N, C-alpha and C. Protein backbone atom coordinates (compact mmCIF):
# COMPACT_ATOMS: atom_id res chain seq x y z
N MET A 1 101.92 -6.60 -77.17
CA MET A 1 100.84 -7.55 -76.88
C MET A 1 101.80 -9.04 -77.37
N SER A 2 101.47 -10.03 -76.63
CA SER A 2 102.27 -11.57 -76.97
C SER A 2 101.38 -11.75 -77.95
N GLN A 3 102.38 -13.31 -78.64
CA GLN A 3 101.41 -14.17 -79.63
C GLN A 3 100.23 -14.41 -79.13
N GLY A 4 99.21 -14.39 -79.38
CA GLY A 4 97.87 -15.47 -79.03
C GLY A 4 97.46 -14.64 -78.11
N SER A 5 98.12 -13.30 -77.24
CA SER A 5 96.90 -13.05 -76.46
C SER A 5 96.02 -12.25 -76.66
N LYS A 6 95.57 -11.79 -78.11
CA LYS A 6 94.54 -11.42 -78.54
C LYS A 6 93.15 -12.16 -78.03
N TYR A 7 93.76 -13.57 -78.64
CA TYR A 7 92.37 -14.30 -78.33
C TYR A 7 91.86 -14.56 -76.77
N ILE A 8 92.89 -14.51 -75.62
CA ILE A 8 92.64 -14.59 -74.73
C ILE A 8 92.08 -13.43 -73.99
N MET A 9 92.50 -11.89 -74.33
CA MET A 9 92.16 -10.63 -74.39
C MET A 9 90.12 -10.64 -74.53
N ALA A 10 90.17 -11.26 -75.53
CA ALA A 10 88.88 -11.09 -76.19
C ALA A 10 87.82 -11.96 -75.12
N LYS A 11 88.23 -12.71 -74.51
CA LYS A 11 87.32 -13.26 -73.53
C LYS A 11 86.63 -12.62 -72.33
N SER A 12 88.31 -11.79 -71.89
CA SER A 12 88.10 -11.03 -70.74
C SER A 12 88.00 -9.63 -70.49
N THR A 13 88.12 -8.80 -71.24
CA THR A 13 87.62 -7.58 -71.87
C THR A 13 87.09 -7.02 -73.24
N THR A 14 86.03 -6.37 -72.66
CA THR A 14 84.93 -5.74 -73.86
C THR A 14 85.61 -4.17 -74.57
N ALA A 15 85.33 -3.64 -75.65
CA ALA A 15 85.24 -2.87 -76.10
C ALA A 15 84.20 -1.47 -75.30
N LEU A 16 84.50 -0.27 -75.47
CA LEU A 16 83.49 0.54 -74.90
C LEU A 16 82.40 0.57 -76.22
N GLY A 17 81.06 0.55 -76.17
CA GLY A 17 80.25 0.38 -77.37
C GLY A 17 79.86 -0.96 -77.86
N ARG A 18 80.51 -1.86 -77.38
CA ARG A 18 80.40 -3.03 -78.28
C ARG A 18 79.06 -3.63 -77.30
N THR A 19 78.38 -4.59 -78.01
CA THR A 19 76.97 -4.76 -77.47
C THR A 19 77.58 -6.43 -77.44
N ARG A 20 76.59 -7.13 -76.29
CA ARG A 20 76.64 -8.70 -76.42
C ARG A 20 76.79 -9.33 -77.31
N HIS A 21 75.88 -9.23 -78.06
CA HIS A 21 76.02 -10.09 -79.52
C HIS A 21 77.16 -10.00 -80.74
N SER A 22 77.64 -8.78 -80.51
CA SER A 22 79.02 -8.29 -80.95
C SER A 22 79.80 -9.14 -80.76
N ARG A 23 80.38 -8.82 -79.30
CA ARG A 23 81.10 -9.77 -78.23
C ARG A 23 81.05 -11.34 -78.89
N LEU A 24 79.91 -11.59 -78.73
CA LEU A 24 79.59 -13.77 -79.00
C LEU A 24 80.52 -13.50 -79.78
N SER A 25 79.63 -12.55 -81.74
CA SER A 25 79.80 -13.05 -82.62
C SER A 25 81.41 -13.08 -82.77
N THR A 26 82.23 -11.86 -82.10
CA THR A 26 83.77 -12.62 -82.40
C THR A 26 84.51 -13.47 -81.83
N GLU A 27 83.79 -14.16 -80.38
CA GLU A 27 84.05 -14.71 -79.94
C GLU A 27 84.22 -16.13 -80.90
N LEU A 28 83.13 -16.53 -81.51
CA LEU A 28 82.49 -17.50 -82.28
C LEU A 28 83.85 -17.62 -83.55
N ARG A 29 83.54 -16.54 -84.12
CA ARG A 29 84.09 -16.31 -85.18
C ARG A 29 86.23 -16.88 -85.13
N GLN A 30 86.51 -16.61 -83.40
CA GLN A 30 87.80 -17.01 -83.13
C GLN A 30 87.97 -18.50 -83.01
N GLU A 31 86.73 -18.64 -82.55
CA GLU A 31 86.65 -20.13 -82.19
C GLU A 31 86.65 -20.95 -83.61
N LYS A 32 86.21 -20.50 -84.27
CA LYS A 32 86.05 -21.14 -85.62
C LYS A 32 87.01 -20.87 -86.28
N VAL A 33 87.91 -19.74 -86.41
CA VAL A 33 89.76 -19.87 -86.97
C VAL A 33 90.24 -20.86 -86.40
N LEU A 34 90.55 -21.19 -84.58
CA LEU A 34 90.98 -22.29 -83.96
C LEU A 34 90.59 -23.80 -84.56
N GLU A 35 88.90 -24.02 -84.57
CA GLU A 35 89.04 -25.52 -85.25
C GLU A 35 89.17 -25.37 -86.82
N GLU A 36 89.33 -24.83 -87.40
CA GLU A 36 89.44 -25.34 -89.01
C GLU A 36 91.32 -25.47 -88.88
N ALA A 37 92.02 -24.29 -88.10
CA ALA A 37 93.56 -24.70 -88.25
C ALA A 37 93.82 -25.74 -87.76
N THR A 38 92.84 -26.24 -86.64
CA THR A 38 93.24 -27.84 -86.01
C THR A 38 93.05 -28.90 -86.89
N ARG A 39 92.35 -28.57 -88.02
CA ARG A 39 91.76 -29.93 -88.99
C ARG A 39 92.95 -29.81 -89.69
N ILE A 40 93.56 -28.46 -90.65
CA ILE A 40 94.28 -28.30 -91.32
C ILE A 40 95.90 -28.72 -90.67
N ILE A 41 95.98 -28.82 -89.43
CA ILE A 41 97.26 -29.30 -88.96
C ILE A 41 97.14 -30.60 -88.65
N ALA A 42 96.29 -31.14 -88.21
CA ALA A 42 95.90 -32.80 -88.16
C ALA A 42 96.03 -33.10 -89.51
N GLU A 43 95.80 -32.68 -90.98
CA GLU A 43 95.59 -33.05 -92.15
C GLU A 43 97.29 -33.31 -92.76
N ARG A 44 98.21 -31.91 -92.50
CA ARG A 44 99.02 -32.00 -93.21
C ARG A 44 100.21 -31.33 -92.22
N GLY A 45 100.15 -31.24 -91.19
CA GLY A 45 100.94 -30.43 -90.41
C GLY A 45 100.92 -28.87 -90.10
N TYR A 46 101.97 -28.29 -89.14
CA TYR A 46 101.81 -27.18 -88.85
C TYR A 46 102.45 -26.34 -90.13
N LYS A 47 103.73 -27.22 -90.38
CA LYS A 47 104.36 -26.52 -91.40
C LYS A 47 103.38 -25.94 -92.95
N ASP A 48 102.68 -26.99 -93.12
CA ASP A 48 101.82 -26.71 -93.88
C ASP A 48 100.61 -25.56 -93.83
N LEU A 49 100.40 -25.44 -92.75
CA LEU A 49 99.27 -24.22 -92.24
C LEU A 49 99.51 -22.87 -93.19
N SER A 50 98.05 -22.78 -93.82
CA SER A 50 98.42 -21.31 -94.70
C SER A 50 97.31 -20.34 -93.81
N ILE A 51 97.93 -19.25 -93.54
CA ILE A 51 96.76 -18.43 -92.82
C ILE A 51 96.01 -17.82 -93.95
N GLN A 52 96.12 -17.58 -95.17
CA GLN A 52 95.02 -17.33 -95.83
C GLN A 52 94.21 -18.47 -96.03
N GLU A 53 94.96 -19.85 -96.14
CA GLU A 53 93.57 -20.84 -96.22
C GLU A 53 92.61 -21.23 -94.99
N VAL A 54 93.45 -20.76 -93.86
CA VAL A 54 92.40 -20.56 -92.82
C VAL A 54 91.34 -19.52 -92.98
N ALA A 55 91.93 -18.47 -93.53
CA ALA A 55 90.99 -17.18 -93.11
C ALA A 55 89.63 -18.03 -94.19
N ASP A 56 90.36 -18.25 -95.72
CA ASP A 56 89.15 -18.45 -96.67
C ASP A 56 88.24 -19.43 -95.98
N ARG A 57 88.77 -20.06 -95.40
CA ARG A 57 87.44 -21.39 -94.55
C ARG A 57 86.77 -20.96 -93.63
N CYS A 58 87.18 -19.79 -93.06
CA CYS A 58 86.43 -19.05 -92.21
C CYS A 58 85.44 -17.99 -92.50
N ARG A 59 85.27 -17.98 -93.91
CA ARG A 59 85.44 -16.43 -94.56
C ARG A 59 85.50 -15.10 -93.82
N ILE A 60 86.32 -15.02 -93.48
CA ILE A 60 86.81 -13.97 -93.08
C ILE A 60 88.25 -13.51 -94.26
N SER A 61 88.85 -12.04 -94.04
CA SER A 61 90.23 -11.86 -94.19
C SER A 61 91.48 -12.16 -93.68
N LYS A 62 92.42 -12.19 -94.44
CA LYS A 62 93.30 -12.70 -93.26
C LYS A 62 93.82 -11.73 -92.16
N THR A 63 93.44 -9.94 -92.82
CA THR A 63 93.94 -9.16 -92.44
C THR A 63 92.84 -9.48 -91.07
N LEU A 64 91.97 -9.59 -90.87
CA LEU A 64 91.15 -10.25 -89.27
C LEU A 64 91.74 -11.13 -88.47
N LEU A 65 92.14 -12.31 -89.21
CA LEU A 65 92.75 -13.05 -89.03
C LEU A 65 94.08 -12.60 -87.63
N LEU A 66 94.92 -12.33 -88.55
CA LEU A 66 95.99 -11.45 -88.22
C LEU A 66 95.76 -10.31 -86.99
N TYR A 67 94.77 -9.86 -87.25
CA TYR A 67 94.18 -8.72 -86.26
C TYR A 67 94.15 -9.73 -84.87
N TYR A 68 93.37 -10.49 -85.01
CA TYR A 68 93.14 -11.41 -83.94
C TYR A 68 94.28 -12.45 -83.21
N PHE A 69 94.97 -12.85 -83.73
CA PHE A 69 96.14 -13.75 -83.34
C PHE A 69 97.64 -13.23 -83.52
N GLY A 70 97.78 -11.86 -84.88
CA GLY A 70 99.32 -11.55 -84.88
C GLY A 70 100.18 -12.14 -85.48
N SER A 71 100.06 -13.84 -85.66
CA SER A 71 101.10 -13.81 -86.63
C SER A 71 100.36 -15.53 -86.51
N LYS A 72 101.36 -16.33 -87.73
CA LYS A 72 100.94 -17.62 -87.29
C LYS A 72 101.45 -18.17 -86.06
N ASP A 73 102.26 -17.74 -85.56
CA ASP A 73 102.56 -18.54 -84.25
C ASP A 73 102.24 -18.08 -83.56
N GLY A 74 101.35 -16.71 -83.32
CA GLY A 74 100.60 -16.40 -82.16
C GLY A 74 99.18 -17.36 -82.62
N LEU A 75 98.63 -17.28 -83.70
CA LEU A 75 97.79 -18.75 -84.08
C LEU A 75 98.16 -20.09 -83.30
N LEU A 76 99.19 -20.22 -83.28
CA LEU A 76 99.12 -21.87 -82.90
C LEU A 76 99.59 -21.84 -81.16
N VAL A 77 100.24 -20.49 -81.00
CA VAL A 77 99.64 -20.57 -79.39
C VAL A 77 98.44 -20.42 -78.80
N ALA A 78 97.74 -19.72 -79.36
CA ALA A 78 96.09 -19.78 -78.71
C ALA A 78 95.57 -20.68 -79.65
N LEU A 79 95.84 -21.62 -80.35
CA LEU A 79 95.46 -22.98 -80.67
C LEU A 79 95.62 -24.08 -79.69
N LEU A 80 96.81 -23.94 -79.21
CA LEU A 80 97.29 -25.06 -77.94
C LEU A 80 96.57 -24.70 -77.17
N GLN A 81 96.63 -23.24 -76.13
CA GLN A 81 96.05 -22.88 -75.25
C GLN A 81 93.90 -23.22 -75.34
N PHE A 82 93.83 -23.16 -76.04
CA PHE A 82 92.25 -23.24 -76.59
C PHE A 82 91.64 -24.75 -76.48
N ARG A 83 92.77 -25.75 -76.92
CA ARG A 83 92.74 -26.94 -76.74
C ARG A 83 92.96 -27.63 -75.39
N VAL A 84 93.76 -27.05 -74.75
CA VAL A 84 94.39 -27.53 -73.51
C VAL A 84 92.90 -27.13 -72.49
N SER A 85 92.68 -26.29 -72.62
CA SER A 85 91.17 -25.43 -71.94
C SER A 85 90.56 -26.22 -71.88
N ARG A 86 89.75 -26.74 -73.14
CA ARG A 86 88.31 -27.64 -73.48
C ARG A 86 88.66 -29.06 -72.79
N ASP A 87 89.86 -29.51 -72.77
CA ASP A 87 90.39 -30.78 -72.10
C ASP A 87 90.54 -30.72 -70.91
N THR A 88 90.86 -29.83 -70.35
CA THR A 88 90.63 -29.53 -69.12
C THR A 88 89.11 -29.43 -68.03
N ALA A 89 88.32 -28.58 -68.58
CA ALA A 89 87.05 -28.50 -68.48
C ALA A 89 86.34 -29.88 -68.87
N ALA A 90 86.84 -30.80 -69.68
CA ALA A 90 85.71 -31.84 -70.20
C ALA A 90 86.20 -32.94 -68.97
N LEU A 91 87.73 -32.76 -68.34
CA LEU A 91 87.81 -34.06 -67.45
C LEU A 91 88.09 -33.20 -66.12
N SER A 92 87.62 -32.02 -65.78
CA SER A 92 87.64 -31.57 -64.56
C SER A 92 87.18 -32.47 -63.35
N TRP A 93 85.79 -33.14 -63.63
CA TRP A 93 85.61 -34.15 -62.83
C TRP A 93 86.67 -34.98 -62.07
N LEU A 94 87.76 -35.01 -62.68
CA LEU A 94 88.48 -36.40 -62.08
C LEU A 94 89.13 -35.87 -60.88
N ARG A 95 88.98 -34.64 -60.69
CA ARG A 95 89.91 -34.28 -59.48
C ARG A 95 89.23 -34.60 -57.98
N SER A 96 87.72 -35.07 -58.18
CA SER A 96 87.01 -35.84 -57.18
C SER A 96 87.94 -36.85 -56.85
N GLU A 97 88.67 -37.47 -57.59
CA GLU A 97 89.21 -39.11 -57.44
C GLU A 97 90.56 -38.61 -56.46
N VAL A 98 91.01 -37.31 -56.02
CA VAL A 98 92.13 -37.45 -55.63
C VAL A 98 91.61 -36.85 -53.73
N ASN A 99 91.74 -37.64 -52.74
CA ASN A 99 91.81 -37.18 -51.73
C ASN A 99 91.87 -36.26 -50.96
N ILE A 100 91.94 -35.77 -49.63
CA ILE A 100 91.84 -34.55 -49.33
C ILE A 100 93.39 -33.97 -49.00
N ARG A 101 94.17 -35.74 -48.84
CA ARG A 101 95.83 -35.70 -48.79
C ARG A 101 96.37 -35.60 -50.04
N GLY A 102 95.90 -35.32 -50.95
CA GLY A 102 96.27 -35.21 -52.58
C GLY A 102 96.86 -36.63 -52.58
N GLU A 103 96.26 -37.64 -52.22
CA GLU A 103 96.59 -39.11 -52.68
C GLU A 103 95.38 -39.54 -53.71
N VAL A 104 95.96 -40.80 -54.42
CA VAL A 104 94.91 -41.25 -55.23
C VAL A 104 95.00 -42.54 -55.27
N SER A 105 94.15 -43.18 -55.03
CA SER A 105 94.03 -45.19 -55.26
C SER A 105 94.37 -45.67 -56.36
N LEU A 106 95.20 -46.51 -56.29
CA LEU A 106 95.26 -47.17 -58.01
C LEU A 106 93.77 -47.87 -58.65
N LYS A 107 92.76 -47.89 -57.95
CA LYS A 107 91.71 -47.96 -58.94
C LYS A 107 91.32 -46.54 -59.55
N SER A 108 91.58 -45.52 -58.63
CA SER A 108 91.24 -44.49 -59.33
C SER A 108 92.26 -43.77 -60.07
N VAL A 109 93.42 -44.54 -59.95
CA VAL A 109 94.54 -44.25 -61.39
C VAL A 109 93.84 -44.88 -62.54
N HIS A 110 93.05 -46.11 -62.61
CA HIS A 110 93.01 -46.86 -63.28
C HIS A 110 91.60 -45.91 -63.95
N LYS A 111 91.06 -45.67 -63.47
CA LYS A 111 89.58 -44.68 -63.85
C LYS A 111 90.18 -43.53 -64.30
N MET A 112 91.14 -42.68 -64.04
CA MET A 112 91.10 -41.52 -64.50
C MET A 112 91.76 -42.09 -65.63
N LEU A 113 92.72 -42.54 -65.90
CA LEU A 113 93.92 -43.04 -67.46
C LEU A 113 92.57 -43.68 -68.10
N HIS A 114 91.76 -44.23 -67.98
CA HIS A 114 90.34 -44.59 -68.67
C HIS A 114 90.35 -43.37 -69.35
N ALA A 115 89.39 -42.59 -68.61
CA ALA A 115 88.55 -41.34 -68.81
C ALA A 115 89.31 -40.69 -70.14
N ILE A 116 90.82 -40.60 -69.62
CA ILE A 116 91.75 -39.94 -70.89
C ILE A 116 91.47 -40.86 -72.06
N VAL A 117 91.81 -42.17 -71.98
CA VAL A 117 91.90 -42.50 -73.37
C VAL A 117 90.56 -42.36 -73.81
N GLU A 118 89.52 -42.69 -73.02
CA GLU A 118 88.25 -42.58 -73.90
C GLU A 118 87.90 -41.16 -74.73
N ARG A 119 88.43 -40.08 -73.93
CA ARG A 119 87.89 -39.02 -74.51
C ARG A 119 88.70 -38.77 -75.77
N ASN A 120 90.12 -39.02 -75.83
CA ASN A 120 90.68 -39.12 -76.65
C ASN A 120 90.39 -40.43 -78.06
N VAL A 121 89.47 -41.12 -77.70
CA VAL A 121 88.80 -42.05 -78.60
C VAL A 121 87.71 -41.07 -79.33
N SER A 122 87.19 -40.36 -78.25
CA SER A 122 85.95 -39.36 -78.97
C SER A 122 85.63 -38.50 -79.87
N GLN A 123 87.44 -37.99 -79.66
CA GLN A 123 87.90 -37.28 -81.01
C GLN A 123 89.09 -37.63 -81.43
N PRO A 124 88.80 -38.23 -82.98
CA PRO A 124 89.99 -38.55 -83.27
C PRO A 124 90.80 -37.78 -84.24
N GLY A 125 90.07 -36.76 -84.44
CA GLY A 125 90.56 -35.31 -84.99
C GLY A 125 91.66 -34.77 -84.35
N ILE A 126 91.11 -34.82 -82.98
CA ILE A 126 91.89 -33.64 -82.37
C ILE A 126 93.08 -34.82 -81.97
N LEU A 127 92.75 -35.75 -81.69
CA LEU A 127 94.33 -36.64 -81.64
C LEU A 127 95.15 -36.78 -82.80
N ARG A 128 94.78 -36.65 -83.75
CA ARG A 128 95.61 -36.97 -84.93
C ARG A 128 96.27 -35.88 -84.82
N PHE A 129 95.78 -34.45 -84.41
CA PHE A 129 96.41 -33.23 -84.52
C PHE A 129 97.20 -32.84 -83.62
N TYR A 130 97.50 -33.53 -82.37
CA TYR A 130 98.08 -33.35 -81.14
C TYR A 130 99.79 -34.93 -81.76
N CYS A 131 99.11 -35.54 -82.19
CA CYS A 131 99.98 -36.45 -82.95
C CYS A 131 101.03 -36.00 -83.65
N VAL A 132 100.71 -35.46 -84.96
CA VAL A 132 100.90 -34.92 -85.74
C VAL A 132 101.79 -33.02 -85.34
N LEU A 133 101.36 -32.73 -84.62
CA LEU A 133 102.24 -31.38 -83.89
C LEU A 133 103.28 -32.03 -83.15
N ARG A 134 103.05 -33.11 -82.12
CA ARG A 134 104.26 -33.75 -81.33
C ARG A 134 105.67 -33.83 -82.03
N ALA A 135 104.83 -34.74 -83.05
CA ALA A 135 106.38 -35.14 -84.00
C ALA A 135 107.10 -33.94 -84.73
N GLU A 136 106.10 -33.08 -85.28
CA GLU A 136 106.98 -31.97 -85.64
C GLU A 136 107.69 -31.01 -84.73
N ALA A 137 106.86 -31.12 -83.58
CA ALA A 137 107.45 -30.44 -82.41
C ALA A 137 108.84 -31.02 -81.75
N LEU A 138 109.14 -32.22 -82.25
CA LEU A 138 110.56 -32.66 -81.94
C LEU A 138 112.03 -31.70 -82.26
N ASP A 139 111.54 -30.91 -83.34
CA ASP A 139 112.44 -29.81 -83.46
C ASP A 139 112.58 -28.81 -82.68
N ARG A 140 113.87 -28.42 -82.29
CA ARG A 140 113.89 -27.15 -81.28
C ARG A 140 113.36 -25.97 -81.28
N ASP A 141 113.51 -25.42 -83.04
CA ASP A 141 113.30 -24.49 -83.34
C ASP A 141 111.56 -24.52 -83.58
N HIS A 142 110.89 -25.48 -83.51
CA HIS A 142 109.72 -25.37 -83.62
C HIS A 142 108.75 -24.26 -82.71
N PRO A 143 107.96 -23.52 -83.42
CA PRO A 143 107.11 -22.83 -82.28
C PRO A 143 106.36 -23.79 -81.08
N ALA A 144 105.68 -24.53 -81.08
CA ALA A 144 105.27 -25.62 -80.25
C ALA A 144 106.53 -26.57 -79.28
N HIS A 145 107.68 -26.34 -79.49
CA HIS A 145 108.52 -27.42 -79.19
C HIS A 145 108.57 -27.31 -77.30
N ALA A 146 108.85 -25.65 -77.22
CA ALA A 146 108.54 -25.59 -75.45
C ALA A 146 107.23 -26.30 -74.99
N PHE A 147 106.12 -25.87 -75.69
CA PHE A 147 104.65 -26.45 -75.24
C PHE A 147 104.77 -27.86 -75.02
N PHE A 148 105.18 -28.66 -75.71
CA PHE A 148 105.21 -30.42 -75.57
C PHE A 148 106.01 -30.66 -75.03
N LEU A 149 107.58 -30.32 -74.74
CA LEU A 149 108.32 -30.48 -73.55
C LEU A 149 107.49 -30.30 -72.28
N GLU A 150 107.12 -28.89 -71.90
CA GLU A 150 106.96 -28.87 -70.69
C GLU A 150 105.29 -29.66 -70.32
N ARG A 151 104.73 -29.89 -71.39
CA ARG A 151 103.28 -30.61 -70.89
C ARG A 151 103.86 -32.17 -71.09
N GLN A 152 105.08 -32.55 -71.54
CA GLN A 152 105.07 -33.70 -70.87
C GLN A 152 105.69 -33.99 -69.41
N LYS A 153 106.49 -32.98 -69.19
CA LYS A 153 106.86 -32.90 -68.04
C LYS A 153 105.97 -32.84 -66.48
N SER A 154 104.97 -31.66 -67.32
CA SER A 154 103.92 -32.01 -66.08
C SER A 154 103.21 -33.15 -66.22
N THR A 155 102.82 -33.65 -67.54
CA THR A 155 102.02 -35.06 -67.37
C THR A 155 102.62 -36.30 -66.39
N LEU A 156 104.08 -35.98 -66.60
CA LEU A 156 104.88 -37.34 -66.26
C LEU A 156 104.62 -36.74 -64.37
N ARG A 157 105.13 -35.41 -64.27
CA ARG A 157 104.45 -35.43 -62.66
C ARG A 157 103.42 -35.62 -62.11
N ARG A 158 102.64 -35.30 -62.86
CA ARG A 158 100.96 -35.86 -62.32
C ARG A 158 101.02 -37.28 -62.23
N TYR A 159 101.13 -37.94 -62.84
CA TYR A 159 101.67 -39.53 -63.23
C TYR A 159 102.37 -39.95 -61.93
N GLU A 160 103.36 -39.13 -61.64
CA GLU A 160 104.20 -39.85 -60.59
C GLU A 160 103.41 -39.43 -59.14
N GLN A 161 102.70 -38.41 -59.05
CA GLN A 161 102.40 -38.15 -57.81
C GLN A 161 100.73 -39.09 -57.88
N ALA A 162 100.19 -39.54 -58.71
CA ALA A 162 99.48 -40.45 -58.80
C ALA A 162 99.65 -41.78 -58.13
N LEU A 163 100.95 -42.09 -58.88
CA LEU A 163 101.57 -43.70 -58.65
C LEU A 163 102.45 -43.44 -57.29
N ALA A 164 102.10 -42.55 -56.79
CA ALA A 164 103.09 -42.04 -55.21
C ALA A 164 103.02 -43.20 -54.57
N LYS A 165 101.41 -43.57 -53.96
CA LYS A 165 101.31 -44.58 -52.89
C LYS A 165 101.20 -45.52 -53.58
N SER A 166 101.06 -46.32 -54.69
CA SER A 166 101.11 -47.69 -54.74
C SER A 166 102.02 -48.02 -55.38
N ASP A 167 102.80 -47.58 -56.15
CA ASP A 167 104.06 -47.77 -57.13
C ASP A 167 105.56 -47.16 -56.22
N PRO A 168 106.30 -48.57 -55.77
CA PRO A 168 107.76 -48.20 -55.59
C PRO A 168 108.75 -47.18 -56.44
N GLN A 169 108.56 -47.39 -57.40
CA GLN A 169 108.98 -46.53 -58.39
C GLN A 169 108.51 -45.94 -59.29
N PRO A 170 107.65 -44.92 -58.99
CA PRO A 170 106.82 -44.02 -59.79
C PRO A 170 106.96 -43.59 -60.74
N GLU A 171 108.44 -42.79 -60.75
CA GLU A 171 108.93 -41.95 -61.82
C GLU A 171 109.20 -43.05 -63.30
N PHE A 172 109.29 -44.02 -63.15
CA PHE A 172 109.61 -45.29 -64.15
C PHE A 172 108.46 -45.31 -64.58
N THR A 173 107.36 -46.01 -63.69
CA THR A 173 105.92 -46.49 -64.55
C THR A 173 105.59 -45.47 -64.99
N ALA A 174 105.68 -44.01 -64.61
CA ALA A 174 104.96 -42.64 -65.32
C ALA A 174 105.17 -42.78 -66.48
N ARG A 175 106.65 -43.07 -67.04
CA ARG A 175 106.81 -43.26 -67.99
C ARG A 175 106.41 -44.16 -68.97
N GLU A 176 106.21 -45.17 -68.51
CA GLU A 176 106.11 -46.51 -69.02
C GLU A 176 104.34 -46.03 -69.69
N VAL A 177 103.91 -45.45 -68.37
CA VAL A 177 102.48 -45.23 -68.69
C VAL A 177 101.95 -44.72 -69.96
N MET A 178 102.93 -43.42 -70.04
CA MET A 178 102.89 -42.45 -71.23
C MET A 178 103.03 -42.98 -72.49
N ALA A 179 104.26 -44.11 -72.28
CA ALA A 179 104.84 -44.55 -73.60
C ALA A 179 103.67 -45.70 -74.18
N VAL A 180 103.08 -46.28 -73.29
CA VAL A 180 101.76 -47.49 -73.75
C VAL A 180 100.56 -46.29 -74.28
N MET A 181 100.29 -45.25 -73.85
CA MET A 181 98.90 -44.50 -74.08
C MET A 181 99.41 -44.03 -75.59
N ILE A 182 100.49 -43.10 -75.65
CA ILE A 182 101.05 -42.72 -77.05
C ILE A 182 101.06 -43.60 -78.04
N GLY A 183 101.72 -44.60 -77.95
CA GLY A 183 102.27 -45.60 -78.98
C GLY A 183 100.71 -46.07 -79.29
N LEU A 184 100.04 -47.19 -78.29
CA LEU A 184 98.68 -46.97 -78.83
C LEU A 184 97.72 -46.51 -79.56
N GLU A 185 97.89 -45.25 -78.65
CA GLU A 185 97.09 -44.12 -79.80
C GLU A 185 97.47 -43.87 -81.38
N GLU A 186 98.85 -43.63 -81.79
CA GLU A 186 99.47 -43.59 -82.64
C GLU A 186 99.23 -44.69 -83.45
N GLN A 187 99.21 -46.09 -83.10
CA GLN A 187 99.13 -47.37 -83.72
C GLN A 187 97.41 -47.17 -84.42
N TRP A 188 96.44 -46.51 -83.28
CA TRP A 188 94.95 -46.64 -84.24
C TRP A 188 94.86 -45.58 -84.80
N LEU A 189 95.26 -44.79 -84.76
CA LEU A 189 95.18 -43.47 -86.27
C LEU A 189 95.94 -44.01 -87.27
N ARG A 190 96.86 -44.90 -87.10
CA ARG A 190 97.85 -45.24 -88.43
C ARG A 190 96.82 -46.44 -89.07
N GLU A 191 96.08 -47.17 -88.22
CA GLU A 191 95.46 -48.06 -88.91
C GLU A 191 93.98 -47.61 -89.00
N GLU A 192 93.83 -46.28 -88.97
CA GLU A 192 92.29 -46.12 -89.38
C GLU A 192 91.08 -46.55 -88.41
N GLU A 193 91.63 -46.40 -87.25
CA GLU A 193 90.91 -46.86 -86.07
C GLU A 193 89.88 -47.94 -86.10
N LYS A 194 90.72 -48.97 -87.03
CA LYS A 194 90.63 -50.13 -86.83
C LYS A 194 90.27 -51.21 -85.74
N PHE A 195 91.05 -50.98 -84.69
CA PHE A 195 90.91 -52.19 -83.35
C PHE A 195 90.15 -51.42 -82.60
N ASP A 196 89.82 -51.54 -81.29
CA ASP A 196 89.11 -51.04 -79.98
C ASP A 196 90.22 -50.49 -79.24
N LEU A 197 90.57 -49.71 -79.37
CA LEU A 197 91.63 -48.49 -78.57
C LEU A 197 91.29 -48.99 -77.21
N LEU A 198 90.17 -48.47 -76.99
CA LEU A 198 89.95 -48.39 -75.29
C LEU A 198 90.03 -49.83 -74.63
N LYS A 199 89.78 -50.70 -75.61
CA LYS A 199 89.71 -52.17 -75.04
C LYS A 199 91.13 -52.48 -74.63
N HIS A 200 91.95 -51.92 -75.89
CA HIS A 200 93.40 -52.33 -76.01
C HIS A 200 94.12 -51.88 -74.72
N TRP A 201 93.93 -50.41 -74.57
CA TRP A 201 94.23 -49.64 -73.41
C TRP A 201 94.05 -50.34 -72.09
N ASP A 202 92.89 -50.91 -71.87
CA ASP A 202 92.37 -51.65 -70.39
C ASP A 202 93.50 -52.37 -70.06
N HIS A 203 93.45 -53.38 -71.51
CA HIS A 203 94.63 -54.38 -71.18
C HIS A 203 95.64 -54.44 -70.44
N ALA A 204 96.44 -53.50 -71.69
CA ALA A 204 97.37 -52.96 -71.31
C ALA A 204 98.38 -52.57 -69.99
N ILE A 205 97.00 -51.76 -69.77
CA ILE A 205 97.18 -51.36 -68.13
C ILE A 205 97.20 -51.69 -66.97
N ALA A 206 96.31 -52.91 -67.23
CA ALA A 206 95.71 -53.91 -66.25
C ALA A 206 97.05 -54.65 -65.92
N ARG A 207 97.81 -54.83 -66.92
CA ARG A 207 99.46 -55.38 -66.65
C ARG A 207 100.43 -54.83 -66.23
N LEU A 208 100.24 -53.57 -66.78
CA LEU A 208 101.24 -52.65 -65.91
C LEU A 208 101.03 -52.26 -64.82
N LEU A 209 99.45 -52.11 -64.40
CA LEU A 209 99.37 -51.64 -62.95
C LEU A 209 98.19 -52.37 -62.43
N PRO A 210 98.64 -53.94 -62.06
CA PRO A 210 97.45 -54.64 -61.31
C PRO A 210 97.05 -54.21 -60.29
N LEU A 211 95.63 -54.31 -60.31
CA LEU A 211 94.84 -53.96 -59.20
C LEU A 211 95.30 -54.97 -58.47
N LYS A 212 95.51 -54.71 -56.93
CA LYS A 212 95.70 -56.36 -55.96
C LYS A 212 94.43 -56.24 -55.62
């Protein structure tokens, strides 16, 4: 069984004889583990994540935690899948901004990017988690290296596709949009959220992608 797969399987399969209540309790325990692991990584990074500490915070045994996720790396894989699924669900309405030909107007691009930053502002702990983990994962040997490399590539592809109709060089603009977003978010976290990130983002994107 692959790393993190126990978490996924717990959502899609049930053991014979288990009640709905027990399935729900298992799922809630797993989500509690993922939430606590997120907090620890946001505070200290993945390298200082202790399986025993996560188990203690969740009031479960280390053995049970490892049964769910297999290993520390398995926990990280499940955690990243969990966070992506949450973000995807929260922003699913953005699909309505794409027309039947798969095109997006520049006004809709502004709307979509604003929504992404707005969500990040609403959950600074999760944003810090991503920033810390993304920096650590620059190391090729880090278990999240491949995840963040693919996430970067897929995000750039989506930005390029969204800008294809309105920008003559969408591949360059896509990287600039990503750089501005990440840069402002990291400044905001470093300065303990003391400036209006959303206002600064709207100002920056208006200059980078002016509405005609």
